[in-house]
């Protein structure tokens, strides 16, 4: 019964929290409407979710989030420095293909989102077989360092989390 009413409980809770943040006022009516959304949206979309992702080490997710937040803060300052103090002809942007060892679709999606959220990099395309991702970077002298950083800081942690 609980599975039918709340097929994705974390998604339901997330919808409630996001709704309350959007309306910016916690009232009984807003909580009720958020709870209704949190129940009905996952029920309506449940047939389109083939299964829930399995995370081997949930505590690694906390570490991953902290690393990503730190990288976003640092990258903001790096991008600001590049924009403010480099001339256009000194900026060396480019494309790099990052080979992937992770295979879980959720892990690949999380990696692509992380790359895009981090200022200075954008994930542009996933290969048809899912073995590599095309990344655009704003500025770097050695494109191999971009690949190595993505693989060591993000993909390694995702491999530990997802089977």
N, C-alpha and C. Protein backbone atom coordinates (compact mmCIF):
# COMPACT_ATOMS: atom_id res chain seq x y z
N UNK A 1 0.82 -1.20 0.00
CA UNK A 1 0.00 0.00 0.00
C UNK A 1 0.86 1.26 0.00
N UNK A 2 1.91 1.27 0.87
CA UNK A 2 2.78 2.44 0.93
C UNK A 2 3.48 2.67 -0.40
N UNK A 3 3.85 1.58 -1.07
CA UNK A 3 4.53 1.69 -2.36
C UNK A 3 3.63 2.33 -3.42
N UNK A 4 2.33 2.06 -3.35
CA UNK A 4 1.41 2.65 -4.32
C UNK A 4 1.17 4.12 -4.02
N UNK A 5 1.09 4.45 -2.73
CA UNK A 5 0.81 5.83 -2.33
C UNK A 5 2.06 6.71 -2.48
N UNK A 6 3.21 6.16 -2.10
CA UNK A 6 4.47 6.91 -2.21
C UNK A 6 5.51 6.06 -2.94
N UNK A 7 5.42 5.98 -4.27
CA UNK A 7 6.37 5.13 -4.99
C UNK A 7 7.81 5.64 -4.91
N UNK A 8 7.98 6.94 -4.73
CA UNK A 8 9.31 7.53 -4.63
C UNK A 8 9.29 8.54 -3.48
N UNK A 9 9.48 8.06 -2.25
CA UNK A 9 9.31 8.95 -1.09
C UNK A 9 10.26 10.14 -1.07
N UNK A 10 11.50 9.96 -1.49
CA UNK A 10 12.43 11.09 -1.51
C UNK A 10 12.00 12.14 -2.53
N UNK A 11 11.48 11.70 -3.65
CA UNK A 11 10.97 12.62 -4.65
C UNK A 11 9.78 13.39 -4.09
N UNK A 12 8.90 12.68 -3.36
CA UNK A 12 7.75 13.34 -2.74
C UNK A 12 8.20 14.41 -1.75
N UNK A 13 9.16 14.06 -0.91
CA UNK A 13 9.67 15.02 0.06
C UNK A 13 10.33 16.21 -0.64
N UNK A 14 11.06 15.92 -1.70
CA UNK A 14 11.72 16.99 -2.46
C UNK A 14 10.70 17.94 -3.07
N UNK A 15 9.62 17.38 -3.61
CA UNK A 15 8.57 18.23 -4.18
C UNK A 15 7.94 19.13 -3.13
N UNK A 16 7.71 18.59 -1.95
CA UNK A 16 7.14 19.38 -0.86
C UNK A 16 8.08 20.53 -0.49
N UNK A 17 9.36 20.22 -0.32
CA UNK A 17 10.33 21.25 0.06
C UNK A 17 10.48 22.30 -1.03
N UNK A 18 10.58 21.87 -2.28
CA UNK A 18 10.72 22.82 -3.38
C UNK A 18 9.47 23.70 -3.47
N UNK A 19 8.30 23.11 -3.29
CA UNK A 19 7.08 23.91 -3.33
C UNK A 19 7.10 24.99 -2.25
N UNK A 20 7.48 24.61 -1.04
CA UNK A 20 7.53 25.59 0.06
C UNK A 20 8.57 26.67 -0.20
N UNK A 21 9.66 26.31 -0.83
CA UNK A 21 10.67 27.32 -1.17
C UNK A 21 10.17 28.24 -2.27
N UNK A 22 9.40 27.71 -3.21
CA UNK A 22 8.87 28.53 -4.30
C UNK A 22 7.85 29.55 -3.80
N UNK A 23 6.95 29.12 -2.93
CA UNK A 23 5.94 30.05 -2.44
C UNK A 23 6.49 30.96 -1.35
N UNK A 24 7.60 30.56 -0.75
CA UNK A 24 8.33 31.38 0.22
C UNK A 24 7.50 31.73 1.46
N UNK A 25 6.55 30.86 1.80
CA UNK A 25 5.74 31.08 2.99
C UNK A 25 5.22 29.72 3.46
N UNK A 26 5.51 29.39 4.71
CA UNK A 26 5.06 28.11 5.26
C UNK A 26 3.74 28.35 6.00
N UNK A 27 2.67 27.99 5.33
CA UNK A 27 1.33 28.07 5.93
C UNK A 27 0.70 26.69 5.82
N UNK A 28 -0.31 26.41 6.61
CA UNK A 28 -0.96 25.08 6.49
C UNK A 28 -1.46 24.79 5.07
N UNK A 29 -1.99 25.80 4.40
CA UNK A 29 -2.46 25.60 3.03
C UNK A 29 -1.33 25.27 2.07
N UNK A 30 -0.20 25.96 2.20
CA UNK A 30 0.95 25.68 1.32
C UNK A 30 1.54 24.30 1.61
N UNK A 31 1.60 23.92 2.89
CA UNK A 31 2.09 22.59 3.23
C UNK A 31 1.16 21.52 2.68
N UNK A 32 -0.15 21.75 2.78
CA UNK A 32 -1.12 20.78 2.25
C UNK A 32 -1.00 20.66 0.73
N UNK A 33 -0.91 21.79 0.05
CA UNK A 33 -0.77 21.75 -1.41
C UNK A 33 0.55 21.08 -1.82
N UNK A 34 1.63 21.39 -1.10
CA UNK A 34 2.92 20.73 -1.38
C UNK A 34 2.85 19.24 -1.14
N UNK A 35 2.15 18.83 -0.08
CA UNK A 35 2.00 17.40 0.20
C UNK A 35 1.16 16.72 -0.88
N UNK A 36 0.12 17.39 -1.35
CA UNK A 36 -0.71 16.83 -2.43
C UNK A 36 0.14 16.65 -3.69
N UNK A 37 0.93 17.68 -4.02
CA UNK A 37 1.84 17.56 -5.17
C UNK A 37 2.84 16.42 -4.94
N UNK A 38 3.36 16.33 -3.72
CA UNK A 38 4.33 15.30 -3.39
C UNK A 38 3.78 13.88 -3.47
N UNK A 39 2.48 13.75 -3.35
CA UNK A 39 1.87 12.42 -3.47
C UNK A 39 1.47 12.13 -4.91
N UNK A 40 0.80 13.08 -5.56
CA UNK A 40 0.22 12.79 -6.87
C UNK A 40 1.22 12.83 -8.02
N UNK A 41 2.18 13.72 -7.99
CA UNK A 41 3.15 13.76 -9.10
C UNK A 41 3.95 12.46 -9.19
N UNK A 42 4.51 11.93 -8.08
CA UNK A 42 5.20 10.63 -8.19
C UNK A 42 4.27 9.48 -8.58
N UNK A 43 3.00 9.53 -8.13
CA UNK A 43 2.06 8.47 -8.52
C UNK A 43 1.81 8.50 -10.03
N UNK A 44 1.68 9.71 -10.59
CA UNK A 44 1.42 9.83 -12.03
C UNK A 44 2.64 9.48 -12.86
N UNK A 45 3.82 9.74 -12.35
CA UNK A 45 5.04 9.49 -13.14
C UNK A 45 5.67 8.14 -12.84
N UNK A 46 5.18 7.39 -11.86
CA UNK A 46 5.76 6.10 -11.48
C UNK A 46 5.88 5.11 -12.64
N UNK A 47 4.90 5.03 -13.54
CA UNK A 47 5.05 4.07 -14.65
C UNK A 47 6.25 4.37 -15.56
N UNK A 48 6.73 5.58 -15.55
CA UNK A 48 7.84 5.95 -16.42
C UNK A 48 9.20 5.75 -15.76
N UNK A 49 9.21 5.31 -14.51
CA UNK A 49 10.45 5.03 -13.78
C UNK A 49 10.61 3.52 -13.73
N UNK A 50 11.52 2.95 -14.50
CA UNK A 50 11.64 1.49 -14.52
C UNK A 50 12.09 0.92 -13.17
N UNK A 51 12.83 1.65 -12.42
CA UNK A 51 13.30 1.18 -11.11
C UNK A 51 14.01 2.30 -10.40
N UNK A 52 14.16 2.13 -9.11
CA UNK A 52 14.87 3.14 -8.34
C UNK A 52 16.36 2.84 -8.39
N UNK A 53 17.18 3.87 -8.48
CA UNK A 53 18.62 3.63 -8.48
C UNK A 53 19.07 3.09 -7.12
N UNK A 54 20.02 2.21 -7.16
CA UNK A 54 20.56 1.64 -5.93
C UNK A 54 21.91 2.30 -5.66
N UNK A 55 22.04 2.87 -4.49
CA UNK A 55 23.29 3.51 -4.11
C UNK A 55 23.98 2.62 -3.10
N UNK A 56 25.21 2.16 -3.43
CA UNK A 56 25.93 1.25 -2.56
C UNK A 56 26.35 1.93 -1.25
N UNK A 57 26.90 3.13 -1.35
CA UNK A 57 27.41 3.83 -0.18
C UNK A 57 26.76 5.21 -0.09
N UNK A 58 25.63 5.30 0.62
CA UNK A 58 24.92 6.58 0.68
C UNK A 58 25.72 7.71 1.32
N UNK A 59 26.61 7.39 2.25
CA UNK A 59 27.41 8.44 2.88
C UNK A 59 28.40 9.07 1.89
N UNK A 60 28.75 8.33 0.86
CA UNK A 60 29.62 8.89 -0.18
C UNK A 60 28.92 10.01 -0.92
N UNK A 61 27.58 9.98 -0.95
CA UNK A 61 26.80 11.04 -1.60
C UNK A 61 27.04 12.37 -0.89
N UNK A 62 27.12 12.33 0.43
CA UNK A 62 27.39 13.55 1.20
C UNK A 62 28.77 14.09 0.84
N UNK A 63 29.75 13.21 0.77
CA UNK A 63 31.10 13.62 0.38
C UNK A 63 31.10 14.22 -1.03
N UNK A 64 30.38 13.56 -1.94
CA UNK A 64 30.31 14.03 -3.32
C UNK A 64 29.70 15.43 -3.39
N UNK A 65 28.60 15.64 -2.67
CA UNK A 65 27.93 16.95 -2.67
C UNK A 65 28.87 18.02 -2.12
N UNK A 66 29.60 17.72 -1.06
CA UNK A 66 30.53 18.69 -0.49
C UNK A 66 31.67 19.03 -1.46
N UNK A 67 32.19 18.01 -2.15
CA UNK A 67 33.24 18.25 -3.14
C UNK A 67 32.72 19.12 -4.28
N UNK A 68 31.51 18.83 -4.74
CA UNK A 68 30.92 19.61 -5.84
C UNK A 68 30.69 21.06 -5.42
N UNK A 69 30.15 21.26 -4.21
CA UNK A 69 29.93 22.62 -3.73
C UNK A 69 31.26 23.37 -3.65
N UNK A 70 32.28 22.73 -3.11
CA UNK A 70 33.59 23.37 -3.02
C UNK A 70 34.11 23.72 -4.42
N UNK A 71 34.01 22.78 -5.34
CA UNK A 71 34.50 23.02 -6.70
C UNK A 71 33.74 24.15 -7.38
N UNK A 72 32.44 24.27 -7.12
CA UNK A 72 31.64 25.35 -7.72
C UNK A 72 32.11 26.70 -7.18
N UNK A 73 32.36 26.77 -5.88
CA UNK A 73 32.83 28.03 -5.29
C UNK A 73 34.20 28.41 -5.86
N UNK A 74 35.12 27.46 -5.88
CA UNK A 74 36.47 27.74 -6.40
C UNK A 74 36.41 28.12 -7.88
N UNK A 75 35.61 27.38 -8.66
CA UNK A 75 35.51 27.64 -10.10
C UNK A 75 34.91 29.01 -10.38
N UNK A 76 34.00 29.48 -9.53
CA UNK A 76 33.45 30.82 -9.71
C UNK A 76 34.54 31.87 -9.66
N UNK A 77 35.44 31.74 -8.70
CA UNK A 77 36.54 32.70 -8.60
C UNK A 77 37.50 32.56 -9.78
N UNK A 78 37.77 31.34 -10.21
CA UNK A 78 38.66 31.13 -11.35
C UNK A 78 38.07 31.74 -12.62
N UNK A 79 36.80 31.51 -12.85
CA UNK A 79 36.15 32.06 -14.05
C UNK A 79 36.11 33.58 -13.98
N UNK A 80 35.83 34.12 -12.81
CA UNK A 80 35.82 35.59 -12.67
C UNK A 80 37.20 36.16 -12.97
N UNK A 81 38.25 35.50 -12.48
CA UNK A 81 39.61 35.96 -12.76
C UNK A 81 39.91 35.90 -14.26
N UNK A 82 39.49 34.84 -14.91
CA UNK A 82 39.72 34.70 -16.36
C UNK A 82 38.99 35.81 -17.11
N UNK A 83 37.75 36.03 -16.78
CA UNK A 83 36.95 37.03 -17.49
C UNK A 83 37.46 38.44 -17.25
N UNK A 84 37.84 38.72 -16.02
CA UNK A 84 38.24 40.08 -15.68
C UNK A 84 39.66 40.43 -16.09
N UNK A 85 40.57 39.46 -16.07
CA UNK A 85 41.98 39.80 -16.24
C UNK A 85 42.66 39.19 -17.46
N UNK A 86 41.98 38.37 -18.23
CA UNK A 86 42.61 37.81 -19.43
C UNK A 86 42.02 38.47 -20.67
N UNK A 87 42.89 38.67 -21.64
CA UNK A 87 42.41 39.16 -22.93
C UNK A 87 41.84 37.98 -23.71
N UNK A 88 40.96 38.27 -24.65
CA UNK A 88 40.31 37.20 -25.42
C UNK A 88 41.31 36.29 -26.11
N UNK A 89 42.40 36.86 -26.61
CA UNK A 89 43.36 36.02 -27.33
C UNK A 89 44.18 35.14 -26.38
N UNK A 90 44.13 35.43 -25.07
CA UNK A 90 44.86 34.61 -24.10
C UNK A 90 44.03 33.46 -23.57
N UNK A 91 42.73 33.49 -23.80
CA UNK A 91 41.86 32.43 -23.30
C UNK A 91 41.95 31.24 -24.24
N UNK A 92 42.27 30.08 -23.67
CA UNK A 92 42.42 28.85 -24.46
C UNK A 92 41.29 27.88 -24.09
N UNK A 93 40.16 28.06 -24.75
CA UNK A 93 39.04 27.16 -24.52
C UNK A 93 39.09 26.04 -25.54
N UNK A 94 38.36 25.00 -25.26
CA UNK A 94 38.36 23.89 -26.20
C UNK A 94 37.42 22.78 -25.78
N UNK A 95 37.53 21.69 -26.51
CA UNK A 95 36.69 20.51 -26.28
C UNK A 95 37.58 19.35 -25.89
N UNK A 96 37.05 18.52 -25.02
CA UNK A 96 37.78 17.32 -24.62
C UNK A 96 36.78 16.18 -24.46
N UNK A 97 37.20 15.00 -24.85
CA UNK A 97 36.36 13.81 -24.73
C UNK A 97 36.81 13.04 -23.49
N UNK A 98 35.90 12.86 -22.54
CA UNK A 98 36.22 12.18 -21.29
C UNK A 98 35.69 10.75 -21.38
N UNK A 99 36.60 9.74 -21.38
CA UNK A 99 36.14 8.35 -21.39
C UNK A 99 35.51 8.00 -20.04
N UNK A 100 34.42 7.27 -20.07
CA UNK A 100 33.70 6.93 -18.84
C UNK A 100 33.87 5.47 -18.47
N UNK A 101 34.06 5.24 -17.19
CA UNK A 101 34.08 3.88 -16.66
C UNK A 101 32.76 3.55 -15.99
N UNK A 102 32.00 4.57 -15.60
CA UNK A 102 30.71 4.34 -14.97
C UNK A 102 29.69 3.94 -16.04
N UNK A 103 28.74 3.09 -15.65
CA UNK A 103 27.76 2.62 -16.62
C UNK A 103 26.32 2.89 -16.20
N UNK A 104 26.09 3.14 -14.92
CA UNK A 104 24.72 3.39 -14.45
C UNK A 104 24.21 4.70 -15.03
N UNK A 105 23.02 4.69 -15.63
CA UNK A 105 22.49 5.92 -16.22
C UNK A 105 22.36 7.07 -15.22
N UNK A 106 22.02 6.74 -13.97
CA UNK A 106 21.90 7.77 -12.94
C UNK A 106 23.26 8.41 -12.65
N UNK A 107 24.30 7.59 -12.62
CA UNK A 107 25.64 8.10 -12.35
C UNK A 107 26.13 8.98 -13.50
N UNK A 108 25.86 8.57 -14.72
CA UNK A 108 26.26 9.37 -15.88
C UNK A 108 25.51 10.70 -15.90
N UNK A 109 24.22 10.66 -15.57
CA UNK A 109 23.43 11.89 -15.51
C UNK A 109 23.95 12.82 -14.43
N UNK A 110 24.28 12.25 -13.28
CA UNK A 110 24.82 13.06 -12.18
C UNK A 110 26.17 13.67 -12.57
N UNK A 111 27.00 12.90 -13.25
CA UNK A 111 28.30 13.43 -13.70
C UNK A 111 28.11 14.56 -14.71
N UNK A 112 27.23 14.36 -15.68
CA UNK A 112 26.99 15.40 -16.69
C UNK A 112 26.44 16.67 -16.04
N UNK A 113 25.54 16.52 -15.10
CA UNK A 113 25.00 17.68 -14.39
C UNK A 113 26.05 18.39 -13.57
N UNK A 114 26.92 17.62 -12.93
CA UNK A 114 27.99 18.20 -12.13
C UNK A 114 28.94 19.01 -13.00
N UNK A 115 29.31 18.46 -14.13
CA UNK A 115 30.21 19.15 -15.05
C UNK A 115 29.58 20.46 -15.51
N UNK A 116 28.30 20.43 -15.83
CA UNK A 116 27.61 21.63 -16.31
C UNK A 116 27.43 22.66 -15.20
N UNK A 117 27.18 22.21 -13.97
CA UNK A 117 26.99 23.14 -12.85
C UNK A 117 28.28 23.84 -12.45
N UNK A 118 29.41 23.20 -12.70
CA UNK A 118 30.69 23.78 -12.32
C UNK A 118 31.07 24.84 -13.35
N UNK A 119 31.21 26.09 -12.93
CA UNK A 119 31.56 27.16 -13.88
C UNK A 119 32.85 26.87 -14.63
N UNK A 120 32.82 27.16 -15.92
CA UNK A 120 34.01 26.95 -16.75
C UNK A 120 33.96 25.68 -17.55
N UNK A 121 33.01 24.79 -17.26
CA UNK A 121 32.88 23.55 -18.02
C UNK A 121 31.40 23.30 -18.33
N UNK A 122 31.17 22.64 -19.48
CA UNK A 122 29.82 22.28 -19.88
C UNK A 122 29.87 20.90 -20.51
N UNK A 123 29.01 19.99 -20.06
CA UNK A 123 28.91 18.70 -20.74
C UNK A 123 28.00 18.90 -21.94
N UNK A 124 28.48 18.52 -23.10
CA UNK A 124 27.75 18.82 -24.33
C UNK A 124 27.03 17.62 -24.91
N UNK A 125 27.67 16.45 -24.86
CA UNK A 125 27.06 15.30 -25.52
C UNK A 125 27.61 14.01 -24.93
N UNK A 126 26.75 13.02 -24.84
CA UNK A 126 27.13 11.69 -24.42
C UNK A 126 27.22 10.83 -25.67
N UNK A 127 28.25 10.01 -25.76
CA UNK A 127 28.37 9.15 -26.94
C UNK A 127 27.20 8.17 -26.99
N UNK A 128 26.91 7.67 -28.17
CA UNK A 128 25.75 6.79 -28.36
C UNK A 128 25.85 5.53 -27.51
N UNK A 129 27.05 5.04 -27.30
CA UNK A 129 27.20 3.82 -26.48
C UNK A 129 27.42 4.13 -25.00
N UNK A 130 27.44 5.42 -24.62
CA UNK A 130 27.56 5.81 -23.22
C UNK A 130 28.94 5.63 -22.62
N UNK A 131 29.96 5.55 -23.47
CA UNK A 131 31.30 5.31 -22.94
C UNK A 131 32.16 6.57 -22.86
N UNK A 132 31.66 7.70 -23.34
CA UNK A 132 32.42 8.94 -23.24
C UNK A 132 31.47 10.13 -23.28
N UNK A 133 31.96 11.23 -22.75
CA UNK A 133 31.17 12.46 -22.70
C UNK A 133 32.02 13.60 -23.24
N UNK A 134 31.42 14.43 -24.06
CA UNK A 134 32.11 15.57 -24.66
C UNK A 134 31.94 16.77 -23.74
N UNK A 135 33.07 17.40 -23.37
CA UNK A 135 33.06 18.50 -22.42
C UNK A 135 33.74 19.72 -23.04
N UNK A 136 33.11 20.87 -22.89
CA UNK A 136 33.74 22.13 -23.30
C UNK A 136 34.30 22.81 -22.06
N UNK A 137 35.54 23.29 -22.15
CA UNK A 137 36.14 23.99 -21.02
C UNK A 137 36.49 25.41 -21.44
N UNK A 138 36.44 26.33 -20.49
CA UNK A 138 36.66 27.74 -20.77
C UNK A 138 38.13 28.06 -20.99
N UNK A 139 38.99 27.56 -20.11
CA UNK A 139 40.40 27.91 -20.21
C UNK A 139 41.24 26.86 -19.51
N UNK A 140 42.24 26.34 -20.22
CA UNK A 140 43.22 25.45 -19.62
C UNK A 140 44.38 25.30 -20.58
N UNK A 141 45.57 25.20 -20.02
CA UNK A 141 46.75 25.01 -20.85
C UNK A 141 46.89 23.56 -21.32
N UNK A 142 46.42 22.63 -20.49
CA UNK A 142 46.55 21.21 -20.81
C UNK A 142 45.19 20.54 -20.69
N UNK A 143 44.56 20.18 -21.81
CA UNK A 143 43.24 19.54 -21.76
C UNK A 143 43.23 18.23 -20.98
N UNK A 144 44.37 17.55 -20.91
CA UNK A 144 44.42 16.29 -20.17
C UNK A 144 44.16 16.48 -18.68
N UNK A 145 44.48 17.68 -18.17
CA UNK A 145 44.20 17.93 -16.75
C UNK A 145 42.70 18.00 -16.49
N UNK A 146 41.95 18.48 -17.47
CA UNK A 146 40.49 18.52 -17.34
C UNK A 146 39.95 17.09 -17.22
N UNK A 147 40.41 16.22 -18.11
CA UNK A 147 39.97 14.83 -18.09
C UNK A 147 40.34 14.19 -16.77
N UNK A 148 41.57 14.37 -16.35
CA UNK A 148 42.04 13.76 -15.11
C UNK A 148 41.27 14.27 -13.89
N UNK A 149 40.98 15.56 -13.87
CA UNK A 149 40.23 16.12 -12.75
C UNK A 149 38.81 15.57 -12.69
N UNK A 150 38.15 15.47 -13.83
CA UNK A 150 36.79 14.92 -13.86
C UNK A 150 36.80 13.46 -13.40
N UNK A 151 37.76 12.71 -13.86
CA UNK A 151 37.82 11.30 -13.51
C UNK A 151 38.17 11.08 -12.03
N UNK A 152 39.08 11.87 -11.49
CA UNK A 152 39.49 11.64 -10.10
C UNK A 152 38.55 12.27 -9.09
N UNK A 153 38.06 13.46 -9.38
CA UNK A 153 37.22 14.15 -8.40
C UNK A 153 35.77 13.69 -8.43
N UNK A 154 35.26 13.36 -9.61
CA UNK A 154 33.85 13.04 -9.72
C UNK A 154 33.58 11.57 -10.06
N UNK A 155 34.15 11.10 -11.16
CA UNK A 155 33.81 9.75 -11.60
C UNK A 155 34.24 8.69 -10.58
N UNK A 156 35.38 8.86 -9.96
CA UNK A 156 35.84 7.90 -8.95
C UNK A 156 34.83 7.77 -7.82
N UNK A 157 34.32 8.90 -7.35
CA UNK A 157 33.33 8.87 -6.27
C UNK A 157 32.00 8.26 -6.73
N UNK A 158 31.61 8.57 -7.96
CA UNK A 158 30.38 8.00 -8.49
C UNK A 158 30.49 6.48 -8.66
N UNK A 159 31.68 5.98 -9.02
CA UNK A 159 31.89 4.55 -9.14
C UNK A 159 31.72 3.86 -7.80
N UNK A 160 32.11 4.55 -6.73
CA UNK A 160 31.95 3.97 -5.40
C UNK A 160 30.49 3.96 -4.95
N UNK A 161 29.71 4.93 -5.41
CA UNK A 161 28.31 5.05 -4.98
C UNK A 161 27.37 4.12 -5.75
N UNK A 162 27.56 4.05 -7.07
CA UNK A 162 26.63 3.30 -7.91
C UNK A 162 27.26 1.99 -8.33
N UNK A 163 26.48 0.90 -8.29
CA UNK A 163 27.03 -0.40 -8.69
C UNK A 163 27.31 -0.50 -10.18
